[in-house]
Amino acid sequence: MGEQTEIAVYEGSCQCGAVRFTARTRLEAPFQCNCSRCRRLNAVMHSVRGDDFTLLSGSEALKIYRFNSHTIAHQFCTQCGIQPFASGSDREGNTIHVINVHCLDEPRYDRNAVSHFNGSDF
């Protein structure tokens, strides 16, 4: 699993399926964050450029939670409570979506390649 993965379109959802999305990416750089929210979620995440993410359904079921600097829109399903992704901007101002890899229909990734992001000091 150490070789570079191909760019693919991954499908994902919250647990109840009300929120569905696709992400076109090379799933090779998953990470975990140690901020207070991510630590509690224990999610494995992956950043996707804005134009490589499509919300297929469920915009009406999403609720946004913001904390700390209020720059990231943590989006969760109001029906099942799962956070399938968050939205924000990178340092250059480009839209990004941070998907919860465990919400992908087929979350194939190298668990040994998960890096750690120090969000608690961010």
PDB file of N, CA and C in Angstrom:
ATOM      1  N   MET A   1       0.811  -1.198   0.000  1.00  0.00           N
ATOM      2  CA  MET A   1       0.000   0.000   0.000  1.00  0.00           C
ATOM      3  C   MET A   1       0.850   1.256   0.000  1.00  0.00           C
ATOM      4  N   GLY A   2       2.122   1.155  -0.016  1.00  0.00           N
ATOM      5  CA  GLY A   2       2.982   2.310   0.018  1.00  0.00           C
ATOM      6  C   GLY A   2       3.075   3.043  -1.307  1.00  0.00           C
ATOM      7  N   GLU A   3       2.667   2.384  -2.418  1.00  0.00           N
ATOM      8  CA  GLU A   3       2.767   3.059  -3.703  1.00  0.00           C
ATOM      9  C   GLU A   3       1.712   4.136  -3.846  1.00  0.00           C
ATOM     10  N   GLN A   4       1.952   5.060  -4.760  1.00  0.00           N
ATOM     11  CA  GLN A   4       1.047   6.178  -4.974  1.00  0.00           C
ATOM     12  C   GLN A   4      -0.282   5.665  -5.517  1.00  0.00           C
ATOM     13  N   THR A   5      -1.363   6.124  -4.939  1.00  0.00           N
ATOM     14  CA  THR A   5      -2.681   5.700  -5.370  1.00  0.00           C
ATOM     15  C   THR A   5      -3.133   6.540  -6.558  1.00  0.00           C
ATOM     16  N   GLU A   6      -4.066   6.012  -7.307  1.00  0.00           N
ATOM     17  CA  GLU A   6      -4.622   6.703  -8.464  1.00  0.00           C
ATOM     18  C   GLU A   6      -5.658   7.728  -8.024  1.00  0.00           C
ATOM     19  N   ILE A   7      -5.848   8.751  -8.854  1.00  0.00           N
ATOM     20  CA  ILE A   7      -6.949   9.674  -8.610  1.00  0.00           C
ATOM     21  C   ILE A   7      -8.227   8.909  -8.910  1.00  0.00           C
ATOM     22  N   ALA A   8      -9.176   8.998  -7.994  1.00  0.00           N
ATOM     23  CA  ALA A   8     -10.448   8.294  -8.144  1.00  0.00           C
ATOM     24  C   ALA A   8     -11.558   9.174  -7.598  1.00  0.00           C
ATOM     25  N   VAL A   9     -12.774   8.824  -7.954  1.00  0.00           N
ATOM     26  CA  VAL A   9     -13.938   9.496  -7.388  1.00  0.00           C
ATOM     27  C   VAL A   9     -14.493   8.577  -6.303  1.00  0.00           C
ATOM     28  N   TYR A  10     -14.487   9.073  -5.091  1.00  0.00           N
ATOM     29  CA  TYR A  10     -14.990   8.331  -3.939  1.00  0.00           C
ATOM     30  C   TYR A  10     -16.375   8.856  -3.596  1.00  0.00           C
ATOM     31  N   GLU A  11     -17.264   7.964  -3.221  1.00  0.00           N
ATOM     32  CA  GLU A  11     -18.587   8.354  -2.769  1.00  0.00           C
ATOM     33  C   GLU A  11     -18.650   8.174  -1.264  1.00  0.00           C
ATOM     34  N   GLY A  12     -19.410   9.041  -0.615  1.00  0.00           N
ATOM     35  CA  GLY A  12     -19.536   8.947   0.821  1.00  0.00           C
ATOM     36  C   GLY A  12     -20.861   9.494   1.306  1.00  0.00           C
ATOM     37  N   SER A  13     -21.102   9.287   2.602  1.00  0.00           N
ATOM     38  CA  SER A  13     -22.356   9.754   3.189  1.00  0.00           C
ATOM     39  C   SER A  13     -22.244   9.804   4.703  1.00  0.00           C
ATOM     40  N   CYS A  14     -23.258  10.397   5.308  1.00  0.00           N
ATOM     41  CA  CYS A  14     -23.411  10.294   6.753  1.00  0.00           C
ATOM     42  C   CYS A  14     -23.954   8.879   7.024  1.00  0.00           C
ATOM     43  N   GLN A  15     -24.222   8.540   8.252  1.00  0.00           N
ATOM     44  CA  GLN A  15     -24.670   7.189   8.568  1.00  0.00           C
ATOM     45  C   GLN A  15     -26.054   6.873   8.013  1.00  0.00           C
ATOM     46  N   CYS A  16     -26.984   7.829   8.104  1.00  0.00           N
ATOM     47  CA  CYS A  16     -28.357   7.558   7.655  1.00  0.00           C
ATOM     48  C   CYS A  16     -28.523   7.712   6.145  1.00  0.00           C
ATOM     49  N   GLY A  17     -27.528   8.304   5.471  1.00  0.00           N
ATOM     50  CA  GLY A  17     -27.582   8.461   4.019  1.00  0.00           C
ATOM     51  C   GLY A  17     -28.272   9.725   3.540  1.00  0.00           C
ATOM     52  N   ALA A  18     -28.743  10.562   4.456  1.00  0.00           N
ATOM     53  CA  ALA A  18     -29.398  11.808   4.042  1.00  0.00           C
ATOM     54  C   ALA A  18     -28.417  12.740   3.338  1.00  0.00           C
ATOM     55  N   VAL A  19     -27.151  12.744   3.782  1.00  0.00           N
ATOM     56  CA  VAL A  19     -26.106  13.574   3.178  1.00  0.00           C
ATOM     57  C   VAL A  19     -25.202  12.663   2.360  1.00  0.00           C
ATOM     58  N   ARG A  20     -25.110  12.953   1.048  1.00  0.00           N
ATOM     59  CA  ARG A  20     -24.251  12.160   0.163  1.00  0.00           C
ATOM     60  C   ARG A  20     -23.344  13.116  -0.599  1.00  0.00           C
ATOM     61  N   PHE A  21     -22.109  12.658  -0.860  1.00  0.00           N
ATOM     62  CA  PHE A  21     -21.134  13.486  -1.560  1.00  0.00           C
ATOM     63  C   PHE A  21     -20.185  12.618  -2.365  1.00  0.00           C
ATOM     64  N   THR A  22     -19.465  13.275  -3.284  1.00  0.00           N
ATOM     65  CA  THR A  22     -18.356  12.628  -3.978  1.00  0.00           C
ATOM     66  C   THR A  22     -17.120  13.486  -3.780  1.00  0.00           C
ATOM     67  N   ALA A  23     -15.976  12.829  -3.814  1.00  0.00           N
ATOM     68  CA  ALA A  23     -14.692  13.520  -3.700  1.00  0.00           C
ATOM     69  C   ALA A  23     -13.747  12.904  -4.721  1.00  0.00           C
ATOM     70  N   ARG A  24     -13.222  13.747  -5.602  1.00  0.00           N
ATOM     71  CA  ARG A  24     -12.252  13.294  -6.608  1.00  0.00           C
ATOM     72  C   ARG A  24     -10.873  13.603  -6.045  1.00  0.00           C
ATOM     73  N   THR A  25     -10.113  12.554  -5.750  1.00  0.00           N
ATOM     74  CA  THR A  25      -8.833  12.768  -5.079  1.00  0.00           C
ATOM     75  C   THR A  25      -7.933  11.547  -5.190  1.00  0.00           C
ATOM     76  N   ARG A  26      -6.746  11.736  -4.761  1.00  0.00           N
ATOM     77  CA  ARG A  26      -5.783  10.648  -4.584  1.00  0.00           C
ATOM     78  C   ARG A  26      -5.716  10.464  -3.060  1.00  0.00           C
ATOM     79  N   LEU A  27      -6.287   9.419  -2.558  1.00  0.00           N
ATOM     80  CA  LEU A  27      -6.436   9.213  -1.116  1.00  0.00           C
ATOM     81  C   LEU A  27      -5.130   8.699  -0.525  1.00  0.00           C
ATOM     82  N   GLU A  28      -4.138   9.616  -0.444  1.00  0.00           N
ATOM     83  CA  GLU A  28      -2.821   9.192  -0.001  1.00  0.00           C
ATOM     84  C   GLU A  28      -2.285   9.974   1.193  1.00  0.00           C
ATOM     85  N   ALA A  29      -3.008  10.973   1.649  1.00  0.00           N
ATOM     86  CA  ALA A  29      -2.491  11.790   2.746  1.00  0.00           C
ATOM     87  C   ALA A  29      -3.526  11.977   3.855  1.00  0.00           C
ATOM     88  N   PRO A  30      -4.074  10.889   4.390  1.00  0.00           N
ATOM     89  CA  PRO A  30      -5.035  11.045   5.477  1.00  0.00           C
ATOM     90  C   PRO A  30      -4.331  11.543   6.741  1.00  0.00           C
ATOM     91  N   PHE A  31      -5.079  12.241   7.579  1.00  0.00           N
ATOM     92  CA  PHE A  31      -4.478  12.764   8.809  1.00  0.00           C
ATOM     93  C   PHE A  31      -5.489  12.761   9.946  1.00  0.00           C
ATOM     94  N   GLN A  32      -4.969  12.842  11.140  1.00  0.00           N
ATOM     95  CA  GLN A  32      -5.776  13.027  12.337  1.00  0.00           C
ATOM     96  C   GLN A  32      -5.301  14.301  13.008  1.00  0.00           C
ATOM     97  N   CYS A  33      -6.239  15.010  13.593  1.00  0.00           N
ATOM     98  CA  CYS A  33      -5.960  16.279  14.263  1.00  0.00           C
ATOM     99  C   CYS A  33      -6.196  16.091  15.760  1.00  0.00           C
ATOM    100  N   ASN A  34      -5.437  16.813  16.568  1.00  0.00           N
ATOM    101  CA  ASN A  34      -5.575  16.673  18.020  1.00  0.00           C
ATOM    102  C   ASN A  34      -6.292  17.848  18.673  1.00  0.00           C
ATOM    103  N   CYS A  35      -7.019  18.662  17.884  1.00  0.00           N
ATOM    104  CA  CYS A  35      -7.789  19.739  18.504  1.00  0.00           C
ATOM    105  C   CYS A  35      -8.915  19.115  19.337  1.00  0.00           C
ATOM    106  N   SER A  36      -9.558  19.917  20.147  1.00  0.00           N
ATOM    107  CA  SER A  36     -10.573  19.384  21.059  1.00  0.00           C
ATOM    108  C   SER A  36     -11.716  18.686  20.324  1.00  0.00           C
ATOM    109  N   ARG A  37     -12.134  19.198  19.180  1.00  0.00           N
ATOM    110  CA  ARG A  37     -13.237  18.583  18.441  1.00  0.00           C
ATOM    111  C   ARG A  37     -12.801  17.305  17.729  1.00  0.00           C
ATOM    112  N   CYS A  38     -11.731  17.384  16.962  1.00  0.00           N
ATOM    113  CA  CYS A  38     -11.276  16.219  16.198  1.00  0.00           C
ATOM    114  C   CYS A  38     -10.862  15.066  17.114  1.00  0.00           C
ATOM    115  N   ARG A  39     -10.260  15.403  18.229  1.00  0.00           N
ATOM    116  CA  ARG A  39      -9.865  14.363  19.184  1.00  0.00           C
ATOM    117  C   ARG A  39     -11.091  13.589  19.653  1.00  0.00           C
ATOM    118  N   ARG A  40     -12.170  14.284  19.897  1.00  0.00           N
ATOM    119  CA  ARG A  40     -13.396  13.625  20.343  1.00  0.00           C
ATOM    120  C   ARG A  40     -14.069  12.825  19.222  1.00  0.00           C
ATOM    121  N   LEU A  41     -13.973  13.315  17.999  1.00  0.00           N
ATOM    122  CA  LEU A  41     -14.553  12.594  16.862  1.00  0.00           C
ATOM    123  C   LEU A  41     -13.731  11.358  16.486  1.00  0.00           C
ATOM    124  N   ASN A  42     -12.420  11.426  16.705  1.00  0.00           N
ATOM    125  CA  ASN A  42     -11.493  10.357  16.318  1.00  0.00           C
ATOM    126  C   ASN A  42     -11.590  10.035  14.824  1.00  0.00           C
ATOM    127  N   ALA A  43     -11.835  11.067  14.028  1.00  0.00           N
ATOM    128  CA  ALA A  43     -11.968  10.885  12.587  1.00  0.00           C
ATOM    129  C   ALA A  43     -10.598  10.868  11.912  1.00  0.00           C
ATOM    130  N   VAL A  44     -10.520  10.164  10.812  1.00  0.00           N
ATOM    131  CA  VAL A  44      -9.371  10.237   9.912  1.00  0.00           C
ATOM    132  C   VAL A  44      -9.843  11.096   8.759  1.00  0.00           C
ATOM    133  N   MET A  45      -9.094  12.143   8.448  1.00  0.00           N
ATOM    134  CA  MET A  45      -9.549  13.133   7.480  1.00  0.00           C
ATOM    135  C   MET A  45      -8.616  13.221   6.272  1.00  0.00           C
ATOM    136  N   HIS A  46      -9.127  13.866   5.251  1.00  0.00           N
ATOM    137  CA  HIS A  46      -8.366  14.055   4.019  1.00  0.00           C
ATOM    138  C   HIS A  46      -8.870  15.328   3.345  1.00  0.00           C
ATOM    139  N   SER A  47      -7.971  16.213   2.950  1.00  0.00           N
ATOM    140  CA  SER A  47      -8.352  17.481   2.305  1.00  0.00           C
ATOM    141  C   SER A  47      -8.572  17.292   0.814  1.00  0.00           C
ATOM    142  N   VAL A  48      -9.625  17.934   0.325  1.00  0.00           N
ATOM    143  CA  VAL A  48      -9.995  17.869  -1.091  1.00  0.00           C
ATOM    144  C   VAL A  48     -10.240  19.299  -1.566  1.00  0.00           C
ATOM    145  N   ARG A  49      -9.694  19.646  -2.730  1.00  0.00           N
ATOM    146  CA  ARG A  49      -9.936  20.976  -3.300  1.00  0.00           C
ATOM    147  C   ARG A  49     -11.429  21.180  -3.551  1.00  0.00           C
ATOM    148  N   GLY A  50     -11.842  22.434  -3.476  1.00  0.00           N
ATOM    149  CA  GLY A  50     -13.255  22.769  -3.625  1.00  0.00           C
ATOM    150  C   GLY A  50     -13.910  22.222  -4.869  1.00  0.00           C
ATOM    151  N   ASP A  51     -13.243  22.322  -6.028  1.00  0.00           N
ATOM    152  CA  ASP A  51     -13.857  21.859  -7.270  1.00  0.00           C
ATOM    153  C   ASP A  51     -13.795  20.343  -7.439  1.00  0.00           C
ATOM    154  N   ASP A  52     -13.164  19.637  -6.509  1.00  0.00           N
ATOM    155  CA  ASP A  52     -13.117  18.176  -6.549  1.00  0.00           C
ATOM    156  C   ASP A  52     -14.090  17.545  -5.556  1.00  0.00           C
ATOM    157  N   PHE A  53     -14.959  18.367  -4.978  1.00  0.00           N
ATOM    158  CA  PHE A  53     -15.955  17.902  -4.014  1.00  0.00           C
ATOM    159  C   PHE A  53     -17.337  18.276  -4.523  1.00  0.00           C
ATOM    160  N   THR A  54     -18.273  17.336  -4.468  1.00  0.00           N
ATOM    161  CA  THR A  54     -19.648  17.611  -4.876  1.00  0.00           C
ATOM    162  C   THR A  54     -20.601  17.086  -3.820  1.00  0.00           C
ATOM    163  N   LEU A  55     -21.437  17.964  -3.305  1.00  0.00           N
ATOM    164  CA  LEU A  55     -22.503  17.557  -2.399  1.00  0.00           C
ATOM    165  C   LEU A  55     -23.658  17.086  -3.273  1.00  0.00           C
ATOM    166  N   LEU A  56     -23.960  15.804  -3.229  1.00  0.00           N
ATOM    167  CA  LEU A  56     -24.994  15.229  -4.087  1.00  0.00           C
ATOM    168  C   LEU A  56     -26.393  15.436  -3.526  1.00  0.00           C
ATOM    169  N   SER A  57     -26.526  15.310  -2.215  1.00  0.00           N
ATOM    170  CA  SER A  57     -27.839  15.473  -1.587  1.00  0.00           C
ATOM    171  C   SER A  57     -27.665  15.761  -0.103  1.00  0.00           C
ATOM    172  N   GLY A  58     -28.703  16.343   0.468  1.00  0.00           N
ATOM    173  CA  GLY A  58     -28.733  16.532   1.908  1.00  0.00           C
ATOM    174  C   GLY A  58     -28.366  17.899   2.421  1.00  0.00           C
ATOM    175  N   SER A  59     -28.262  18.894   1.554  1.00  0.00           N
ATOM    176  CA  SER A  59     -27.889  20.232   2.047  1.00  0.00           C
ATOM    177  C   SER A  59     -28.867  20.710   3.122  1.00  0.00           C
ATOM    178  N   GLU A  60     -30.138  20.338   2.981  1.00  0.00           N
ATOM    179  CA  GLU A  60     -31.146  20.747   3.965  1.00  0.00           C
ATOM    180  C   GLU A  60     -30.988  20.011   5.300  1.00  0.00           C
ATOM    181  N   ALA A  61     -30.277  18.891   5.306  1.00  0.00           N
ATOM    182  CA  ALA A  61     -30.069  18.110   6.535  1.00  0.00           C
ATOM    183  C   ALA A  61     -28.798  18.522   7.277  1.00  0.00           C
ATOM    184  N   LEU A  62     -27.990  19.387   6.665  1.00  0.00           N
ATOM    185  CA  LEU A  62     -26.721  19.776   7.283  1.00  0.00           C
ATOM    186  C   LEU A  62     -26.874  20.943   8.249  1.00  0.00           C
ATOM    187  N   LYS A  63     -26.172  20.854   9.317  1.00  0.00           N
ATOM    188  CA  LYS A  63     -26.073  21.937  10.303  1.00  0.00           C
ATOM    189  C   LYS A  63     -24.599  22.256  10.454  1.00  0.00           C
ATOM    190  N   ILE A  64     -24.269  23.524  10.606  1.00  0.00           N
ATOM    191  CA  ILE A  64     -22.868  23.949  10.717  1.00  0.00           C
ATOM    192  C   ILE A  64     -22.533  24.267  12.159  1.00  0.00           C
ATOM    193  N   TYR A  65     -21.373  23.800  12.580  1.00  0.00           N
ATOM    194  CA  TYR A  65     -20.836  24.131  13.899  1.00  0.00           C
ATOM    195  C   TYR A  65     -19.476  24.782  13.693  1.00  0.00           C
ATOM    196  N   ARG A  66     -19.275  25.945  14.289  1.00  0.00           N
ATOM    197  CA  ARG A  66     -17.991  26.649  14.223  1.00  0.00           C
ATOM    198  C   ARG A  66     -17.500  26.870  15.648  1.00  0.00           C
ATOM    199  N   PHE A  67     -16.191  26.743  15.837  1.00  0.00           N
ATOM    200  CA  PHE A  67     -15.613  27.028  17.142  1.00  0.00           C
ATOM    201  C   PHE A  67     -14.239  27.629  16.962  1.00  0.00           C
ATOM    202  N   ASN A  68     -13.616  28.029  18.047  1.00  0.00           N
ATOM    203  CA  ASN A  68     -12.290  28.631  18.060  1.00  0.00           C
ATOM    204  C   ASN A  68     -12.263  29.854  17.145  1.00  0.00           C
ATOM    205  N   SER A  69     -11.575  29.791  16.014  1.00  0.00           N
ATOM    206  CA  SER A  69     -11.466  30.956  15.129  1.00  0.00           C
ATOM    207  C   SER A  69     -12.675  31.110  14.205  1.00  0.00           C
ATOM    208  N   HIS A  70     -13.594  30.167  14.220  1.00  0.00           N
ATOM    209  CA  HIS A  70     -14.814  30.196  13.411  1.00  0.00           C
ATOM    210  C   HIS A  70     -14.544  30.185  11.908  1.00  0.00           C
ATOM    211  N   THR A  71     -13.383  29.718  11.493  1.00  0.00           N
ATOM    212  CA  THR A  71     -13.046  29.708  10.064  1.00  0.00           C
ATOM    213  C   THR A  71     -13.443  28.414   9.375  1.00  0.00           C
ATOM    214  N   ILE A  72     -13.616  27.337  10.117  1.00  0.00           N
ATOM    215  CA  ILE A  72     -13.982  26.051   9.526  1.00  0.00           C
ATOM    216  C   ILE A  72     -15.443  25.763   9.822  1.00  0.00           C
ATOM    217  N   ALA A  73     -16.192  25.415   8.785  1.00  0.00           N
ATOM    218  CA  ALA A  73     -17.599  25.042   8.931  1.00  0.00           C
ATOM    219  C   ALA A  73     -17.662  23.526   9.088  1.00  0.00           C
ATOM    220  N   HIS A  74     -17.734  23.071  10.324  1.00  0.00           N
ATOM    221  CA  HIS A  74     -17.885  21.636  10.608  1.00  0.00           C
ATOM    222  C   HIS A  74     -19.343  21.300  10.324  1.00  0.00           C
ATOM    223  N   GLN A  75     -19.576  20.428   9.344  1.00  0.00           N
ATOM    224  CA  GLN A  75     -20.946  20.164   8.912  1.00  0.00           C
ATOM    225  C   GLN A  75     -21.364  18.763   9.331  1.00  0.00           C
ATOM    226  N   PHE A  76     -22.512  18.694  10.000  1.00  0.00           N
ATOM    227  CA  PHE A  76     -22.993  17.402  10.452  1.00  0.00           C
ATOM    228  C   PHE A  76     -24.461  17.239  10.082  1.00  0.00           C
ATOM    229  N   CYS A  77     -24.884  15.992   9.987  1.00  0.00           N
ATOM    230  CA  CYS A  77     -26.254  15.654   9.628  1.00  0.00           C
ATOM    231  C   CYS A  77     -27.148  15.822  10.851  1.00  0.00           C
ATOM    232  N   THR A  78     -28.241  16.544  10.686  1.00  0.00           N
ATOM    233  CA  THR A  78     -29.166  16.761  11.802  1.00  0.00           C
ATOM    234  C   THR A  78     -29.992  15.519  12.105  1.00  0.00           C
ATOM    235  N   GLN A  79     -29.977  14.526  11.213  1.00  0.00           N
ATOM    236  CA  GLN A  79     -30.751  13.309  11.454  1.00  0.00           C
ATOM    237  C   GLN A  79     -29.955  12.267  12.233  1.00  0.00           C
ATOM    238  N   CYS A  80     -28.695  12.029  11.841  1.00  0.00           N
ATOM    239  CA  CYS A  80     -27.912  10.974  12.508  1.00  0.00           C
ATOM    240  C   CYS A  80     -26.744  11.521  13.324  1.00  0.00           C
ATOM    241  N   GLY A  81     -26.393  12.799  13.147  1.00  0.00           N
ATOM    242  CA  GLY A  81     -25.338  13.424  13.934  1.00  0.00           C
ATOM    243  C   GLY A  81     -23.924  13.228  13.430  1.00  0.00           C
ATOM    244  N   ILE A  82     -23.737  12.514  12.332  1.00  0.00           N
ATOM    245  CA  ILE A  82     -22.403  12.238  11.802  1.00  0.00           C
ATOM    246  C   ILE A  82     -21.877  13.459  11.047  1.00  0.00           C
ATOM    247  N   GLN A  83     -20.571  13.746  11.214  1.00  0.00           N
ATOM    248  CA  GLN A  83     -19.915  14.819  10.478  1.00  0.00           C
ATOM    249  C   GLN A  83     -19.147  14.207   9.316  1.00  0.00           C
ATOM    250  N   PRO A  84     -19.728  14.229   8.095  1.00  0.00           N
ATOM    251  CA  PRO A  84     -19.039  13.636   6.953  1.00  0.00           C
ATOM    252  C   PRO A  84     -17.934  14.513   6.364  1.00  0.00           C
ATOM    253  N   PHE A  85     -18.010  15.828   6.604  1.00  0.00           N
ATOM    254  CA  PHE A  85     -16.992  16.731   6.068  1.00  0.00           C
ATOM    255  C   PHE A  85     -17.056  18.076   6.769  1.00  0.00           C
ATOM    256  N   ALA A  86     -16.023  18.852   6.554  1.00  0.00           N
ATOM    257  CA  ALA A  86     -15.968  20.246   7.000  1.00  0.00           C
ATOM    258  C   ALA A  86     -15.527  21.070   5.801  1.00  0.00           C
ATOM    259  N   SER A  87     -15.826  22.354   5.827  1.00  0.00           N
ATOM    260  CA  SER A  87     -15.470  23.229   4.708  1.00  0.00           C
ATOM    261  C   SER A  87     -14.729  24.447   5.217  1.00  0.00           C
ATOM    262  N   GLY A  88     -13.819  24.943   4.406  1.00  0.00           N
ATOM    263  CA  GLY A  88     -13.061  26.132   4.779  1.00  0.00           C
ATOM    264  C   GLY A  88     -12.212  26.598   3.622  1.00  0.00           C
ATOM    265  N   SER A  89     -11.130  27.290   3.941  1.00  0.00           N
ATOM    266  CA  SER A  89     -10.197  27.808   2.936  1.00  0.00           C
ATOM    267  C   SER A  89      -8.779  27.464   3.349  1.00  0.00           C
ATOM    268  N   ASP A  90      -7.929  27.272   2.333  1.00  0.00           N
ATOM    269  CA  ASP A  90      -6.513  27.071   2.634  1.00  0.00           C
ATOM    270  C   ASP A  90      -5.859  28.432   2.844  1.00  0.00           C
ATOM    271  N   ARG A  91      -4.563  28.458   3.062  1.00  0.00           N
ATOM    272  CA  ARG A  91      -3.861  29.709   3.357  1.00  0.00           C
ATOM    273  C   ARG A  91      -3.892  30.706   2.191  1.00  0.00           C
ATOM    274  N   GLU A  92      -4.118  30.218   0.970  1.00  0.00           N
ATOM    275  CA  GLU A  92      -4.204  31.092  -0.205  1.00  0.00           C
ATOM    276  C   GLU A  92      -5.638  31.545  -0.475  1.00  0.00           C
ATOM    277  N   GLY A  93      -6.591  31.103   0.326  1.00  0.00           N
ATOM    278  CA  GLY A  93      -7.982  31.499   0.148  1.00  0.00           C
ATOM    279  C   GLY A  93      -8.800  30.584  -0.740  1.00  0.00           C
ATOM    280  N   ASN A  94      -8.235  29.462  -1.167  1.00  0.00           N
ATOM    281  CA  ASN A  94      -8.958  28.504  -2.000  1.00  0.00           C
ATOM    282  C   ASN A  94      -9.883  27.646  -1.142  1.00  0.00           C
ATOM    283  N   THR A  95     -11.065  27.363  -1.658  1.00  0.00           N
ATOM    284  CA  THR A  95     -12.018  26.512  -0.943  1.00  0.00           C
ATOM    285  C   THR A  95     -11.477  25.092  -0.846  1.00  0.00           C
ATOM    286  N   ILE A  96     -11.592  24.518   0.342  1.00  0.00           N
ATOM    287  CA  ILE A  96     -11.249  23.113   0.550  1.00  0.00           C
ATOM    288  C   ILE A  96     -12.355  22.464   1.365  1.00  0.00           C
ATOM    289  N   HIS A  97     -12.448  21.171   1.222  1.00  0.00           N
ATOM    290  CA  HIS A  97     -13.351  20.356   2.038  1.00  0.00           C
ATOM    291  C   HIS A  97     -12.483  19.290   2.680  1.00  0.00           C
ATOM    292  N   VAL A  98     -12.696  19.085   3.940  1.00  0.00           N
ATOM    293  CA  VAL A  98     -11.951  18.054   4.661  1.00  0.00           C
ATOM    294  C   VAL A  98     -12.936  16.936   4.930  1.00  0.00           C
ATOM    295  N   ILE A  99     -12.772  15.845   4.196  1.00  0.00           N
ATOM    296  CA  ILE A  99     -13.716  14.739   4.308  1.00  0.00           C
ATOM    297  C   ILE A  99     -13.304  13.803   5.430  1.00  0.00           C
ATOM    298  N   ASN A 100     -14.304  13.232   6.072  1.00  0.00           N
ATOM    299  CA  ASN A 100     -14.093  12.197   7.070  1.00  0.00           C
ATOM    300  C   ASN A 100     -13.948  10.892   6.281  1.00  0.00           C
ATOM    301  N   VAL A 101     -12.750  10.363   6.214  1.00  0.00           N
ATOM    302  CA  VAL A 101     -12.462   9.178   5.405  1.00  0.00           C
ATOM    303  C   VAL A 101     -13.348   8.004   5.810  1.00  0.00           C
ATOM    304  N   HIS A 102     -13.712   7.922   7.080  1.00  0.00           N
ATOM    305  CA  HIS A 102     -14.558   6.824   7.539  1.00  0.00           C
ATOM    306  C   HIS A 102     -15.993   6.951   7.035  1.00  0.00           C
ATOM    307  N   CYS A 103     -16.352   8.092   6.424  1.00  0.00           N
ATOM    308  CA  CYS A 103     -17.674   8.262   5.826  1.00  0.00           C
ATOM    309  C   CYS A 103     -17.700   7.880   4.349  1.00  0.00           C
ATOM    310  N   LEU A 104     -16.554   7.501   3.793  1.00  0.00           N
ATOM    311  CA  LEU A 104     -16.529   7.040   2.406  1.00  0.00           C
ATOM    312  C   LEU A 104     -17.138   5.651   2.331  1.00  0.00           C
ATOM    313  N   ASP A 105     -17.824   5.360   1.221  1.00  0.00           N
ATOM    314  CA  ASP A 105     -18.434   4.041   1.050  1.00  0.00           C
ATOM    315  C   ASP A 105     -17.378   2.942   1.050  1.00  0.00           C
ATOM    316  N   GLU A 106     -16.218   3.235   0.482  1.00  0.00           N
ATOM    317  CA  GLU A 106     -15.108   2.276   0.453  1.00  0.00           C
ATOM    318  C   GLU A 106     -13.836   2.988   0.896  1.00  0.00           C
ATOM    319  N   PRO A 107     -13.643   3.121   2.212  1.00  0.00           N
ATOM    320  CA  PRO A 107     -12.501   3.897   2.726  1.00  0.00           C
ATOM    321  C   PRO A 107     -11.186   3.124   2.689  1.00  0.00           C
ATOM    322  N   ARG A 108     -10.678   2.886   1.489  1.00  0.00           N
ATOM    323  CA  ARG A 108      -9.401   2.172   1.360  1.00  0.00           C
ATOM    324  C   ARG A 108      -8.251   3.152   1.439  1.00  0.00           C
ATOM    325  N   TYR A 109      -7.487   3.052   2.518  1.00  0.00           N
ATOM    326  CA  TYR A 109      -6.312   3.893   2.695  1.00  0.00           C
ATOM    327  C   TYR A 109      -5.318   3.151   3.566  1.00  0.00           C
ATOM    328  N   ASP A 110      -4.094   3.559   3.467  1.00  0.00           N
ATOM    329  CA  ASP A 110      -3.020   2.936   4.236  1.00  0.00           C
ATOM    330  C   ASP A 110      -3.037   3.521   5.643  1.00  0.00           C
ATOM    331  N   ARG A 111      -3.483   2.745   6.606  1.00  0.00           N
ATOM    332  CA  ARG A 111      -3.583   3.226   7.992  1.00  0.00           C
ATOM    333  C   ARG A 111      -2.218   3.618   8.554  1.00  0.00           C
ATOM    334  N   ASN A 112      -1.144   3.056   8.001  1.00  0.00           N
ATOM    335  CA  ASN A 112       0.208   3.421   8.445  1.00  0.00           C
ATOM    336  C   ASN A 112       0.661   4.769   7.895  1.00  0.00           C
ATOM    337  N   ALA A 113      -0.082   5.289   6.904  1.00  0.00           N
ATOM    338  CA  ALA A 113       0.289   6.563   6.292  1.00  0.00           C
ATOM    339  C   ALA A 113      -0.427   7.752   6.933  1.00  0.00           C
ATOM    340  N   VAL A 114      -1.238   7.514   7.959  1.00  0.00           N
ATOM    341  CA  VAL A 114      -1.976   8.599   8.609  1.00  0.00           C
ATOM    342  C   VAL A 114      -0.988   9.489   9.357  1.00  0.00           C
ATOM    343  N   SER A 115      -0.984  10.766   8.999  1.00  0.00           N
ATOM    344  CA  SER A 115      -0.115  11.718   9.691  1.00  0.00           C
ATOM    345  C   SER A 115      -0.920  12.413  10.792  1.00  0.00           C
ATOM    346  N   HIS A 116      -0.239  13.150  11.603  1.00  0.00           N
ATOM    347  CA  HIS A 116      -0.873  13.817  12.734  1.00  0.00           C
ATOM    348  C   HIS A 116      -0.681  15.320  12.620  1.00  0.00           C
ATOM    349  N   PHE A 117      -1.780  16.054  12.745  1.00  0.00           N
ATOM    350  CA  PHE A 117      -1.780  17.501  12.640  1.00  0.00           C
ATOM    351  C   PHE A 117      -1.986  18.095  14.029  1.00  0.00           C
ATOM    352  N   ASN A 118      -1.140  19.002  14.442  1.00  0.00           N
ATOM    353  CA  ASN A 118      -1.226  19.611  15.764  1.00  0.00           C
ATOM    354  C   ASN A 118      -2.202  20.787  15.742  1.00  0.00           C
ATOM    355  N   GLY A 119      -3.481  20.471  15.705  1.00  0.00           N
ATOM    356  CA  GLY A 119      -4.518  21.488  15.678  1.00  0.00           C
ATOM    357  C   GLY A 119      -4.756  22.133  17.032  1.00  0.00           C
ATOM    358  N   SER A 120      -4.345  21.489  18.092  1.00  0.00           N
ATOM    359  CA  SER A 120      -4.566  22.074  19.412  1.00  0.00           C
ATOM    360  C   SER A 120      -3.744  23.329  19.628  1.00  0.00           C
ATOM    361  N   ASP A 121      -2.647  23.487  18.882  1.00  0.00           N
ATOM    362  CA  ASP A 121      -1.810  24.691  18.987  1.00  0.00           C
ATOM    363  C   ASP A 121      -2.022  25.632  17.805  1.00  0.00           C
ATOM    364  N   PHE A 122      -3.012  25.355  16.966  1.00  0.00           N
ATOM    365  CA  PHE A 122      -3.237  26.132  15.757  1.00  0.00           C
ATOM    366  C   PHE A 122      -3.920  27.432  16.066  1.00  0.00           C
TER     367      PHE A 122
END
